[in-house]
PDB file of N, CA and C in Angstrom:
ATOM      1  N   MET A   1       6.803  88.861  36.391  1.00  0.00           N
ATOM      2  CA  MET A   1       7.171  88.390  35.080  1.00  0.00           C
ATOM      3  C   MET A   1       8.333  87.414  35.212  1.00  0.00           C
ATOM      4  N   PHE A   2       8.292  86.366  34.435  1.00  0.00           N
ATOM      5  CA  PHE A   2       9.353  85.376  34.410  1.00  0.00           C
ATOM      6  C   PHE A   2      10.190  85.552  33.150  1.00  0.00           C
ATOM      7  N   ILE A   3      11.482  85.256  33.258  1.00  0.00           N
ATOM      8  CA  ILE A   3      12.307  85.131  32.070  1.00  0.00           C
ATOM      9  C   ILE A   3      12.664  83.656  31.945  1.00  0.00           C
ATOM     10  N   LYS A   4      12.634  83.167  30.727  1.00  0.00           N
ATOM     11  CA  LYS A   4      12.939  81.762  30.482  1.00  0.00           C
ATOM     12  C   LYS A   4      14.334  81.660  29.884  1.00  0.00           C
ATOM     13  N   ILE A   5      15.167  80.873  30.536  1.00  0.00           N
ATOM     14  CA  ILE A   5      16.499  80.600  30.034  1.00  0.00           C
ATOM     15  C   ILE A   5      16.419  79.244  29.342  1.00  0.00           C
ATOM     16  N   LYS A   6      16.763  79.214  28.063  1.00  0.00           N
ATOM     17  CA  LYS A   6      16.591  77.999  27.264  1.00  0.00           C
ATOM     18  C   LYS A   6      17.848  77.136  27.295  1.00  0.00           C
ATOM     19  N   LYS A   7      17.643  75.826  27.302  1.00  0.00           N
ATOM     20  CA  LYS A   7      18.761  74.891  27.331  1.00  0.00           C
ATOM     21  C   LYS A   7      19.491  74.868  25.990  1.00  0.00           C
ATOM     22  N   ASN A   8      20.745  74.468  26.081  1.00  0.00           N
ATOM     23  CA  ASN A   8      21.593  74.233  24.906  1.00  0.00           C
ATOM     24  C   ASN A   8      21.659  75.411  23.949  1.00  0.00           C
ATOM     25  N   CYS A   9      21.650  76.632  24.458  1.00  0.00           N
ATOM     26  CA  CYS A   9      21.715  77.794  23.558  1.00  0.00           C
ATOM     27  C   CYS A   9      23.000  78.582  23.766  1.00  0.00           C
ATOM     28  N   GLY A  10      24.034  77.948  24.304  1.00  0.00           N
ATOM     29  CA  GLY A  10      25.330  78.605  24.429  1.00  0.00           C
ATOM     30  C   GLY A  10      25.460  79.503  25.640  1.00  0.00           C
ATOM     31  N   ILE A  11      24.541  79.415  26.584  1.00  0.00           N
ATOM     32  CA  ILE A  11      24.612  80.221  27.799  1.00  0.00           C
ATOM     33  C   ILE A  11      25.253  79.384  28.905  1.00  0.00           C
ATOM     34  N   TYR A  12      26.173  79.994  29.623  1.00  0.00           N
ATOM     35  CA  TYR A  12      26.765  79.363  30.798  1.00  0.00           C
ATOM     36  C   TYR A  12      26.252  80.093  32.021  1.00  0.00           C
ATOM     37  N   MET A  13      26.264  79.411  33.158  1.00  0.00           N
ATOM     38  CA  MET A  13      25.704  79.998  34.372  1.00  0.00           C
ATOM     39  C   MET A  13      26.643  79.760  35.546  1.00  0.00           C
ATOM     40  N   GLU A  14      26.670  80.737  36.425  1.00  0.00           N
ATOM     41  CA  GLU A  14      27.367  80.637  37.709  1.00  0.00           C
ATOM     42  C   GLU A  14      26.365  81.055  38.771  1.00  0.00           C
ATOM     43  N   HIS A  15      26.368  80.381  39.906  1.00  0.00           N
ATOM     44  CA  HIS A  15      25.542  80.810  41.029  1.00  0.00           C
ATOM     45  C   HIS A  15      26.228  80.386  42.317  1.00  0.00           C
ATOM     46  N   ASN A  16      25.758  80.896  43.438  1.00  0.00           N
ATOM     47  CA  ASN A  16      26.466  80.627  44.683  1.00  0.00           C
ATOM     48  C   ASN A  16      26.206  79.240  45.257  1.00  0.00           C
ATOM     49  N   GLY A  17      25.527  78.380  44.523  1.00  0.00           N
ATOM     50  CA  GLY A  17      25.432  76.975  44.888  1.00  0.00           C
ATOM     51  C   GLY A  17      26.599  76.174  44.328  1.00  0.00           C
ATOM     52  N   LEU A  18      27.387  76.785  43.453  1.00  0.00           N
ATOM     53  CA  LEU A  18      28.555  76.149  42.851  1.00  0.00           C
ATOM     54  C   LEU A  18      29.819  76.586  43.575  1.00  0.00           C
ATOM     55  N   GLU A  19      30.894  75.835  43.373  1.00  0.00           N
ATOM     56  CA  GLU A  19      32.192  76.260  43.891  1.00  0.00           C
ATOM     57  C   GLU A  19      32.630  77.520  43.158  1.00  0.00           C
ATOM     58  N   LYS A  20      33.499  78.289  43.791  1.00  0.00           N
ATOM     59  CA  LYS A  20      33.986  79.538  43.182  1.00  0.00           C
ATOM     60  C   LYS A  20      34.637  79.258  41.834  1.00  0.00           C
ATOM     61  N   GLN A  21      34.429  80.135  40.895  1.00  0.00           N
ATOM     62  CA  GLN A  21      35.004  80.126  39.550  1.00  0.00           C
ATOM     63  C   GLN A  21      34.570  78.925  38.712  1.00  0.00           C
ATOM     64  N   HIS A  22      33.435  78.320  39.032  1.00  0.00           N
ATOM     65  CA  HIS A  22      32.902  77.226  38.235  1.00  0.00           C
ATOM     66  C   HIS A  22      31.717  77.727  37.409  1.00  0.00           C
ATOM     67  N   LEU A  23      31.703  77.333  36.144  1.00  0.00           N
ATOM     68  CA  LEU A  23      30.605  77.657  35.241  1.00  0.00           C
ATOM     69  C   LEU A  23      30.015  76.357  34.723  1.00  0.00           C
ATOM     70  N   VAL A  24      28.706  76.370  34.523  1.00  0.00           N
ATOM     71  CA  VAL A  24      28.039  75.206  33.950  1.00  0.00           C
ATOM     72  C   VAL A  24      27.212  75.660  32.753  1.00  0.00           C
ATOM     73  N   PRO A  25      27.179  74.834  31.716  1.00  0.00           N
ATOM     74  CA  PRO A  25      26.296  75.169  30.596  1.00  0.00           C
ATOM     75  C   PRO A  25      24.851  74.950  31.023  1.00  0.00           C
ATOM     76  N   VAL A  26      23.960  75.736  30.472  1.00  0.00           N
ATOM     77  CA  VAL A  26      22.538  75.569  30.766  1.00  0.00           C
ATOM     78  C   VAL A  26      22.055  74.365  29.961  1.00  0.00           C
ATOM     79  N   THR A  27      21.701  73.274  30.663  1.00  0.00           N
ATOM     80  CA  THR A  27      21.315  72.031  29.991  1.00  0.00           C
ATOM     81  C   THR A  27      19.836  71.702  30.153  1.00  0.00           C
ATOM     82  N   SER A  28      19.096  72.573  30.818  1.00  0.00           N
ATOM     83  CA  SER A  28      17.645  72.399  30.869  1.00  0.00           C
ATOM     84  C   SER A  28      17.007  73.779  30.978  1.00  0.00           C
ATOM     85  N   ASN A  29      15.798  73.904  30.482  1.00  0.00           N
ATOM     86  CA  ASN A  29      15.078  75.172  30.558  1.00  0.00           C
ATOM     87  C   ASN A  29      14.766  75.492  32.011  1.00  0.00           C
ATOM     88  N   PHE A  30      14.850  76.758  32.378  1.00  0.00           N
ATOM     89  CA  PHE A  30      14.392  77.176  33.698  1.00  0.00           C
ATOM     90  C   PHE A  30      13.906  78.607  33.642  1.00  0.00           C
ATOM     91  N   LEU A  31      13.111  78.970  34.634  1.00  0.00           N
ATOM     92  CA  LEU A  31      12.507  80.306  34.712  1.00  0.00           C
ATOM     93  C   LEU A  31      13.054  81.046  35.915  1.00  0.00           C
ATOM     94  N   ILE A  32      13.235  82.338  35.763  1.00  0.00           N
ATOM     95  CA  ILE A  32      13.609  83.207  36.882  1.00  0.00           C
ATOM     96  C   ILE A  32      12.513  84.252  37.019  1.00  0.00           C
ATOM     97  N   ASN A  33      11.992  84.386  38.224  1.00  0.00           N
ATOM     98  CA  ASN A  33      10.941  85.354  38.498  1.00  0.00           C
ATOM     99  C   ASN A  33      11.593  86.722  38.715  1.00  0.00           C
ATOM    100  N   LEU A  34      11.382  87.640  37.790  1.00  0.00           N
ATOM    101  CA  LEU A  34      11.991  88.969  37.906  1.00  0.00           C
ATOM    102  C   LEU A  34      11.453  89.764  39.086  1.00  0.00           C
ATOM    103  N   ASP A  35      10.283  89.396  39.597  1.00  0.00           N
ATOM    104  CA  ASP A  35       9.750  90.086  40.771  1.00  0.00           C
ATOM    105  C   ASP A  35      10.542  89.748  42.030  1.00  0.00           C
ATOM    106  N   GLN A  36      11.374  88.711  41.984  1.00  0.00           N
ATOM    107  CA  GLN A  36      12.172  88.316  43.141  1.00  0.00           C
ATOM    108  C   GLN A  36      13.642  88.674  42.978  1.00  0.00           C
ATOM    109  N   VAL A  37      13.948  89.447  41.955  1.00  0.00           N
ATOM    110  CA  VAL A  37      15.309  89.917  41.726  1.00  0.00           C
ATOM    111  C   VAL A  37      15.421  91.320  42.310  1.00  0.00           C
ATOM    112  N   ALA A  38      16.455  91.529  43.144  1.00  0.00           N
ATOM    113  CA  ALA A  38      16.641  92.833  43.770  1.00  0.00           C
ATOM    114  C   ALA A  38      17.509  93.757  42.919  1.00  0.00           C
ATOM    115  N   GLU A  39      18.529  93.211  42.276  1.00  0.00           N
ATOM    116  CA  GLU A  39      19.454  94.020  41.484  1.00  0.00           C
ATOM    117  C   GLU A  39      19.843  93.258  40.230  1.00  0.00           C
ATOM    118  N   ILE A  40      20.012  93.997  39.148  1.00  0.00           N
ATOM    119  CA  ILE A  40      20.479  93.407  37.896  1.00  0.00           C
ATOM    120  C   ILE A  40      21.595  94.293  37.366  1.00  0.00           C
ATOM    121  N   SER A  41      22.685  93.660  36.961  1.00  0.00           N
ATOM    122  CA  SER A  41      23.746  94.429  36.314  1.00  0.00           C
ATOM    123  C   SER A  41      24.168  93.721  35.038  1.00  0.00           C
ATOM    124  N   PHE A  42      24.599  94.527  34.089  1.00  0.00           N
ATOM    125  CA  PHE A  42      25.051  94.049  32.792  1.00  0.00           C
ATOM    126  C   PHE A  42      26.492  94.500  32.630  1.00  0.00           C
ATOM    127  N   TYR A  43      27.358  93.600  32.221  1.00  0.00           N
ATOM    128  CA  TYR A  43      28.731  94.006  31.957  1.00  0.00           C
ATOM    129  C   TYR A  43      29.374  93.081  30.947  1.00  0.00           C
ATOM    130  N   THR A  44      30.531  93.512  30.449  1.00  0.00           N
ATOM    131  CA  THR A  44      31.288  92.765  29.452  1.00  0.00           C
ATOM    132  C   THR A  44      32.645  92.424  30.039  1.00  0.00           C
ATOM    133  N   ILE A  45      33.069  91.197  29.856  1.00  0.00           N
ATOM    134  CA  ILE A  45      34.391  90.773  30.319  1.00  0.00           C
ATOM    135  C   ILE A  45      35.424  91.345  29.359  1.00  0.00           C
ATOM    136  N   LYS A  46      36.423  92.025  29.907  1.00  0.00           N
ATOM    137  CA  LYS A  46      37.404  92.728  29.082  1.00  0.00           C
ATOM    138  C   LYS A  46      38.643  91.899  28.771  1.00  0.00           C
ATOM    139  N   GLU A  47      38.970  90.920  29.624  1.00  0.00           N
ATOM    140  CA  GLU A  47      40.169  90.108  29.404  1.00  0.00           C
ATOM    141  C   GLU A  47      39.843  88.646  29.658  1.00  0.00           C
ATOM    142  N   LYS A  48      40.667  87.772  29.122  1.00  0.00           N
ATOM    143  CA  LYS A  48      40.440  86.331  29.250  1.00  0.00           C
ATOM    144  C   LYS A  48      40.461  85.936  30.730  1.00  0.00           C
ATOM    145  N   LYS A  49      39.481  85.104  31.135  1.00  0.00           N
ATOM    146  CA  LYS A  49      39.403  84.642  32.517  1.00  0.00           C
ATOM    147  C   LYS A  49      39.368  83.123  32.529  1.00  0.00           C
ATOM    148  N   LYS A  50      40.035  82.535  33.499  1.00  0.00           N
ATOM    149  CA  LYS A  50      40.032  81.086  33.658  1.00  0.00           C
ATOM    150  C   LYS A  50      38.861  80.680  34.540  1.00  0.00           C
ATOM    151  N   ARG A  51      38.106  79.696  34.092  1.00  0.00           N
ATOM    152  CA  ARG A  51      37.004  79.127  34.864  1.00  0.00           C
ATOM    153  C   ARG A  51      37.095  77.618  34.768  1.00  0.00           C
ATOM    154  N   TYR A  52      36.238  76.932  35.506  1.00  0.00           N
ATOM    155  CA  TYR A  52      36.275  75.473  35.573  1.00  0.00           C
ATOM    156  C   TYR A  52      34.878  74.905  35.356  1.00  0.00           C
ATOM    157  N   ASP A  53      34.812  73.727  34.734  1.00  0.00           N
ATOM    158  CA  ASP A  53      33.530  73.048  34.607  1.00  0.00           C
ATOM    159  C   ASP A  53      33.306  72.184  35.847  1.00  0.00           C
ATOM    160  N   LEU A  54      32.229  71.429  35.884  1.00  0.00           N
ATOM    161  CA  LEU A  54      31.903  70.632  37.066  1.00  0.00           C
ATOM    162  C   LEU A  54      32.915  69.538  37.350  1.00  0.00           C
ATOM    163  N   GLU A  55      33.636  69.071  36.335  1.00  0.00           N
ATOM    164  CA  GLU A  55      34.655  68.048  36.533  1.00  0.00           C
ATOM    165  C   GLU A  55      36.007  68.647  36.902  1.00  0.00           C
ATOM    166  N   GLY A  56      36.083  69.965  36.981  1.00  0.00           N
ATOM    167  CA  GLY A  56      37.331  70.632  37.346  1.00  0.00           C
ATOM    168  C   GLY A  56      38.253  70.925  36.179  1.00  0.00           C
ATOM    169  N   HIS A  57      37.781  70.710  34.949  1.00  0.00           N
ATOM    170  CA  HIS A  57      38.583  71.030  33.771  1.00  0.00           C
ATOM    171  C   HIS A  57      38.586  72.539  33.556  1.00  0.00           C
ATOM    172  N   GLU A  58      39.763  73.048  33.283  1.00  0.00           N
ATOM    173  CA  GLU A  58      39.921  74.491  33.083  1.00  0.00           C
ATOM    174  C   GLU A  58      39.524  74.876  31.670  1.00  0.00           C
ATOM    175  N   PHE A  59      38.859  76.018  31.515  1.00  0.00           N
ATOM    176  CA  PHE A  59      38.603  76.585  30.203  1.00  0.00           C
ATOM    177  C   PHE A  59      38.610  78.106  30.330  1.00  0.00           C
ATOM    178  N   ASP A  60      38.754  78.766  29.194  1.00  0.00           N
ATOM    179  CA  ASP A  60      38.860  80.222  29.169  1.00  0.00           C
ATOM    180  C   ASP A  60      37.538  80.849  28.771  1.00  0.00           C
ATOM    181  N   VAL A  61      37.183  81.899  29.486  1.00  0.00           N
ATOM    182  CA  VAL A  61      36.065  82.756  29.089  1.00  0.00           C
ATOM    183  C   VAL A  61      36.697  83.901  28.313  1.00  0.00           C
ATOM    184  N   GLN A  62      36.299  84.032  27.066  1.00  0.00           N
ATOM    185  CA  GLN A  62      36.929  84.970  26.151  1.00  0.00           C
ATOM    186  C   GLN A  62      36.527  86.419  26.424  1.00  0.00           C
ATOM    187  N   PRO A  63      37.390  87.366  26.051  1.00  0.00           N
ATOM    188  CA  PRO A  63      36.988  88.771  26.111  1.00  0.00           C
ATOM    189  C   PRO A  63      35.739  89.001  25.265  1.00  0.00           C
ATOM    190  N   HIS A  64      34.987  90.000  25.598  1.00  0.00           N
ATOM    191  CA  HIS A  64      33.743  90.387  24.930  1.00  0.00           C
ATOM    192  C   HIS A  64      32.584  89.456  25.277  1.00  0.00           C
ATOM    193  N   THR A  65      32.784  88.587  26.282  1.00  0.00           N
ATOM    194  CA  THR A  65      31.679  87.776  26.795  1.00  0.00           C
ATOM    195  C   THR A  65      30.791  88.702  27.609  1.00  0.00           C
ATOM    196  N   ARG A  66      29.490  88.656  27.374  1.00  0.00           N
ATOM    197  CA  ARG A  66      28.542  89.501  28.100  1.00  0.00           C
ATOM    198  C   ARG A  66      27.995  88.734  29.292  1.00  0.00           C
ATOM    199  N   VAL A  67      27.745  89.451  30.384  1.00  0.00           N
ATOM    200  CA  VAL A  67      27.257  88.835  31.610  1.00  0.00           C
ATOM    201  C   VAL A  67      26.028  89.601  32.095  1.00  0.00           C
ATOM    202  N   ILE A  68      25.010  88.857  32.493  1.00  0.00           N
ATOM    203  CA  ILE A  68      23.863  89.429  33.191  1.00  0.00           C
ATOM    204  C   ILE A  68      23.906  88.854  34.596  1.00  0.00           C
ATOM    205  N   HIS A  69      24.068  89.739  35.574  1.00  0.00           N
ATOM    206  CA  HIS A  69      24.182  89.341  36.980  1.00  0.00           C
ATOM    207  C   HIS A  69      22.862  89.675  37.675  1.00  0.00           C
ATOM    208  N   LEU A  70      22.183  88.629  38.146  1.00  0.00           N
ATOM    209  CA  LEU A  70      20.904  88.788  38.838  1.00  0.00           C
ATOM    210  C   LEU A  70      21.106  88.518  40.320  1.00  0.00           C
ATOM    211  N   GLN A  71      20.986  89.532  41.141  1.00  0.00           N
ATOM    212  CA  GLN A  71      21.109  89.406  42.596  1.00  0.00           C
ATOM    213  C   GLN A  71      19.697  89.302  43.156  1.00  0.00           C
ATOM    214  N   MET A  72      19.401  88.182  43.799  1.00  0.00           N
ATOM    215  CA  MET A  72      18.052  87.925  44.280  1.00  0.00           C
ATOM    216  C   MET A  72      17.757  88.736  45.541  1.00  0.00           C
ATOM    217  N   SER A  73      16.481  88.849  45.892  1.00  0.00           N
ATOM    218  CA  SER A  73      16.074  89.605  47.076  1.00  0.00           C
ATOM    219  C   SER A  73      16.457  88.839  48.346  1.00  0.00           C
ATOM    220  N   TYR A  74      16.327  89.488  49.481  1.00  0.00           N
ATOM    221  CA  TYR A  74      16.712  88.876  50.757  1.00  0.00           C
ATOM    222  C   TYR A  74      15.841  87.678  51.126  1.00  0.00           C
ATOM    223  N   THR A  75      14.698  87.535  50.491  1.00  0.00           N
ATOM    224  CA  THR A  75      13.856  86.364  50.724  1.00  0.00           C
ATOM    225  C   THR A  75      14.609  85.093  50.354  1.00  0.00           C
ATOM    226  N   TYR A  76      15.527  85.211  49.409  1.00  0.00           N
ATOM    227  CA  TYR A  76      16.309  84.077  48.922  1.00  0.00           C
ATOM    228  C   TYR A  76      17.749  84.198  49.390  1.00  0.00           C
ATOM    229  N   ALA A  77      17.933  84.296  50.689  1.00  0.00           N
ATOM    230  CA  ALA A  77      19.263  84.440  51.270  1.00  0.00           C
ATOM    231  C   ALA A  77      19.530  83.290  52.227  1.00  0.00           C
ATOM    232  N   MET A  78      20.823  83.017  52.417  1.00  0.00           N
ATOM    233  CA  MET A  78      21.251  82.021  53.389  1.00  0.00           C
ATOM    234  C   MET A  78      21.892  82.750  54.553  1.00  0.00           C
ATOM    235  N   THR A  79      21.673  82.256  55.749  1.00  0.00           N
ATOM    236  CA  THR A  79      22.268  82.868  56.929  1.00  0.00           C
ATOM    237  C   THR A  79      23.358  81.952  57.457  1.00  0.00           C
ATOM    238  N   LYS A  80      24.544  82.521  57.659  1.00  0.00           N
ATOM    239  CA  LYS A  80      25.648  81.779  58.257  1.00  0.00           C
ATOM    240  C   LYS A  80      25.859  82.321  59.665  1.00  0.00           C
ATOM    241  N   GLU A  81      25.929  81.418  60.626  1.00  0.00           N
ATOM    242  CA  GLU A  81      26.078  81.832  62.024  1.00  0.00           C
ATOM    243  C   GLU A  81      27.537  81.992  62.428  1.00  0.00           C
ATOM    244  N   SER A  82      28.434  81.456  61.624  1.00  0.00           N
ATOM    245  CA  SER A  82      29.855  81.531  61.940  1.00  0.00           C
ATOM    246  C   SER A  82      30.595  81.985  60.691  1.00  0.00           C
ATOM    247  N   ILE A  83      31.467  82.970  60.845  1.00  0.00           N
ATOM    248  CA  ILE A  83      32.229  83.498  59.727  1.00  0.00           C
ATOM    249  C   ILE A  83      33.703  83.328  60.067  1.00  0.00           C
ATOM    250  N   ASN A  84      34.383  82.452  59.342  1.00  0.00           N
ATOM    251  CA  ASN A  84      35.797  82.155  59.590  1.00  0.00           C
ATOM    252  C   ASN A  84      36.057  81.812  61.059  1.00  0.00           C
ATOM    253  N   GLY A  85      35.171  81.038  61.646  1.00  0.00           N
ATOM    254  CA  GLY A  85      35.340  80.598  63.028  1.00  0.00           C
ATOM    255  C   GLY A  85      34.890  81.608  64.064  1.00  0.00           C
ATOM    256  N   THR A  86      34.506  82.796  63.661  1.00  0.00           N
ATOM    257  CA  THR A  86      34.068  83.841  64.580  1.00  0.00           C
ATOM    258  C   THR A  86      32.546  83.861  64.603  1.00  0.00           C
ATOM    259  N   LYS A  87      31.978  83.994  65.797  1.00  0.00           N
ATOM    260  CA  LYS A  87      30.519  84.059  65.871  1.00  0.00           C
ATOM    261  C   LYS A  87      30.039  85.368  65.264  1.00  0.00           C
ATOM    262  N   GLY A  88      28.975  85.273  64.562  1.00  0.00           N
ATOM    263  CA  GLY A  88      28.404  86.439  63.898  1.00  0.00           C
ATOM    264  C   GLY A  88      27.346  85.962  62.930  1.00  0.00           C
ATOM    265  N   ARG A  89      26.774  86.837  62.229  1.00  0.00           N
ATOM    266  CA  ARG A  89      25.733  86.460  61.286  1.00  0.00           C
ATOM    267  C   ARG A  89      26.020  87.138  59.950  1.00  0.00           C
ATOM    268  N   LEU A  90      26.048  86.319  58.916  1.00  0.00           N
ATOM    269  CA  LEU A  90      26.259  86.811  57.568  1.00  0.00           C
ATOM    270  C   LEU A  90      25.069  86.368  56.729  1.00  0.00           C
ATOM    271  N   ILE A  91      24.445  87.304  56.066  1.00  0.00           N
ATOM    272  CA  ILE A  91      23.331  86.991  55.183  1.00  0.00           C
ATOM    273  C   ILE A  91      23.858  87.074  53.755  1.00  0.00           C
ATOM    274  N   GLU A  92      23.848  85.922  53.081  1.00  0.00           N
ATOM    275  CA  GLU A  92      24.361  85.841  51.722  1.00  0.00           C
ATOM    276  C   GLU A  92      23.195  85.641  50.756  1.00  0.00           C
ATOM    277  N   ARG A  93      22.953  86.649  49.933  1.00  0.00           N
ATOM    278  CA  ARG A  93      21.863  86.555  48.965  1.00  0.00           C
ATOM    279  C   ARG A  93      22.253  85.660  47.797  1.00  0.00           C
ATOM    280  N   SER A  94      21.275  84.972  47.266  1.00  0.00           N
ATOM    281  CA  SER A  94      21.497  84.131  46.088  1.00  0.00           C
ATOM    282  C   SER A  94      21.713  85.025  44.870  1.00  0.00           C
ATOM    283  N   TYR A  95      22.505  84.522  43.930  1.00  0.00           N
ATOM    284  CA  TYR A  95      22.711  85.246  42.682  1.00  0.00           C
ATOM    285  C   TYR A  95      22.837  84.262  41.541  1.00  0.00           C
ATOM    286  N   TYR A  96      22.602  84.759  40.359  1.00  0.00           N
ATOM    287  CA  TYR A  96      22.807  84.023  39.125  1.00  0.00           C
ATOM    288  C   TYR A  96      23.591  84.931  38.185  1.00  0.00           C
ATOM    289  N   LYS A  97      24.640  84.397  37.582  1.00  0.00           N
ATOM    290  CA  LYS A  97      25.356  85.112  36.535  1.00  0.00           C
ATOM    291  C   LYS A  97      25.203  84.299  35.270  1.00  0.00           C
ATOM    292  N   LEU A  98      24.683  84.937  34.244  1.00  0.00           N
ATOM    293  CA  LEU A  98      24.493  84.298  32.947  1.00  0.00           C
ATOM    294  C   LEU A  98      25.555  84.819  31.998  1.00  0.00           C
ATOM    295  N   TYR A  99      26.389  83.928  31.482  1.00  0.00           N
ATOM    296  CA  TYR A  99      27.490  84.272  30.590  1.00  0.00           C
ATOM    297  C   TYR A  99      27.078  83.973  29.152  1.00  0.00           C
ATOM    298  N   PHE A 100      27.152  84.979  28.307  1.00  0.00           N
ATOM    299  CA  PHE A 100      26.824  84.857  26.894  1.00  0.00           C
ATOM    300  C   PHE A 100      28.122  85.016  26.115  1.00  0.00           C
ATOM    301  N   MET A 101      28.611  83.927  25.565  1.00  0.00           N
ATOM    302  CA  MET A 101      29.865  83.951  24.817  1.00  0.00           C
ATOM    303  C   MET A 101      29.710  84.874  23.608  1.00  0.00           C
ATOM    304  N   PRO A 102      30.825  85.396  23.067  1.00  0.00           N
ATOM    305  CA  PRO A 102      30.735  86.376  21.969  1.00  0.00           C
ATOM    306  C   PRO A 102      29.877  85.923  20.787  1.00  0.00           C
ATOM    307  N   GLU A 103      29.822  84.615  20.517  1.00  0.00           N
ATOM    308  CA  GLU A 103      29.017  84.138  19.393  1.00  0.00           C
ATOM    309  C   GLU A 103      27.529  84.042  19.721  1.00  0.00           C
ATOM    310  N   GLU A 104      27.129  84.338  20.954  1.00  0.00           N
ATOM    311  CA  GLU A 104      25.730  84.233  21.388  1.00  0.00           C
ATOM    312  C   GLU A 104      25.094  85.596  21.670  1.00  0.00           C
ATOM    313  N   MET A 105      25.488  86.623  20.969  1.00  0.00           N
ATOM    314  CA  MET A 105      25.007  87.969  21.252  1.00  0.00           C
ATOM    315  C   MET A 105      23.515  88.138  20.974  1.00  0.00           C
ATOM    316  N   GLY A 106      22.944  87.352  20.098  1.00  0.00           N
ATOM    317  CA  GLY A 106      21.508  87.456  19.812  1.00  0.00           C
ATOM    318  C   GLY A 106      20.679  87.109  21.034  1.00  0.00           C
ATOM    319  N   GLN A 107      21.052  86.045  21.722  1.00  0.00           N
ATOM    320  CA  GLN A 107      20.358  85.640  22.950  1.00  0.00           C
ATOM    321  C   GLN A 107      20.488  86.724  24.018  1.00  0.00           C
ATOM    322  N   TYR A 108      21.701  87.256  24.153  1.00  0.00           N
ATOM    323  CA  TYR A 108      21.950  88.299  25.146  1.00  0.00           C
ATOM    324  C   TYR A 108      21.089  89.528  24.862  1.00  0.00           C
ATOM    325  N   ALA A 109      21.101  89.991  23.628  1.00  0.00           N
ATOM    326  CA  ALA A 109      20.353  91.203  23.264  1.00  0.00           C
ATOM    327  C   ALA A 109      18.862  91.017  23.510  1.00  0.00           C
ATOM    328  N   GLU A 110      18.346  89.842  23.180  1.00  0.00           N
ATOM    329  CA  GLU A 110      16.918  89.573  23.373  1.00  0.00           C
ATOM    330  C   GLU A 110      16.548  89.598  24.856  1.00  0.00           C
ATOM    331  N   LEU A 111      17.347  88.933  25.678  1.00  0.00           N
ATOM    332  CA  LEU A 111      17.073  88.888  27.112  1.00  0.00           C
ATOM    333  C   LEU A 111      17.242  90.263  27.751  1.00  0.00           C
ATOM    334  N   ARG A 112      18.290  90.969  27.373  1.00  0.00           N
ATOM    335  CA  ARG A 112      18.497  92.310  27.932  1.00  0.00           C
ATOM    336  C   ARG A 112      17.350  93.247  27.571  1.00  0.00           C
ATOM    337  N   GLN A 113      16.870  93.171  26.349  1.00  0.00           N
ATOM    338  CA  GLN A 113      15.763  94.026  25.923  1.00  0.00           C
ATOM    339  C   GLN A 113      14.506  93.737  26.731  1.00  0.00           C
ATOM    340  N   LYS A 114      14.225  92.470  26.997  1.00  0.00           N
ATOM    341  CA  LYS A 114      13.051  92.109  27.805  1.00  0.00           C
ATOM    342  C   LYS A 114      13.161  92.685  29.212  1.00  0.00           C
ATOM    343  N   ILE A 115      14.360  92.649  29.769  1.00  0.00           N
ATOM    344  CA  ILE A 115      14.566  93.213  31.108  1.00  0.00           C
ATOM    345  C   ILE A 115      14.439  94.735  31.063  1.00  0.00           C
ATOM    346  N   GLU A 116      15.067  95.355  30.062  1.00  0.00           N
ATOM    347  CA  GLU A 116      15.025  96.825  29.923  1.00  0.00           C
ATOM    348  C   GLU A 116      13.598  97.333  29.732  1.00  0.00           C
ATOM    349  N   ASP A 117      12.729  96.530  29.096  1.00  0.00           N
ATOM    350  CA  ASP A 117      11.356  96.935  28.884  1.00  0.00           C
ATOM    351  C   ASP A 117      10.612  97.125  30.205  1.00  0.00           C
ATOM    352  N   ARG A 118      11.092  96.495  31.260  1.00  0.00           N
ATOM    353  CA  ARG A 118      10.443  96.594  32.576  1.00  0.00           C
ATOM    354  C   ARG A 118      11.064  97.674  33.457  1.00  0.00           C
ATOM    355  N   VAL A 119      11.997  98.441  32.920  1.00  0.00           N
ATOM    356  CA  VAL A 119      12.706  99.457  33.693  1.00  0.00           C
ATOM    357  C   VAL A 119      12.130 100.835  33.411  1.00  0.00           C
ATOM    358  N   LEU A 120      11.878 101.580  34.454  1.00  0.00           N
ATOM    359  CA  LEU A 120      11.434 102.959  34.312  1.00  0.00           C
ATOM    360  C   LEU A 120      12.654 103.861  34.432  1.00  0.00           C
ATOM    361  N   ASN A 121      13.004 104.539  33.370  1.00  0.00           N
ATOM    362  CA  ASN A 121      14.137 105.451  33.364  1.00  0.00           C
ATOM    363  C   ASN A 121      13.655 106.866  33.652  1.00  0.00           C
ATOM    364  N   LEU A 122      14.209 107.469  34.669  1.00  0.00           N
ATOM    365  CA  LEU A 122      13.841 108.842  35.025  1.00  0.00           C
ATOM    366  C   LEU A 122      14.903 109.821  34.617  1.00  0.00           C
TER     367      LEU A 122
END
């Protein structure tokens, strides 16, 4: 099953292809295949956090912002052969964090419900 993230709907995204602490607004529609997601977590930001846009301008992520963190399976991982100059192997899985600002709770609730519908609770 795919989930569709719609452009220009107030969702911001972070992923490990970006520099640390950078968020980008979703400016085009894209799909995420839930069959390739290994872990999903839902949480709420409790205090104001500083983040940056692509131009390096600082902005605040407000408290009560909801986040859906999608950790992809190992099929979508990068391998690093050197870690801080030391030989070794580090497998870094891809992830996507979707930030739903407090005024966008309808989008968050809809997406979370679609994901929850695919969960078997024991």
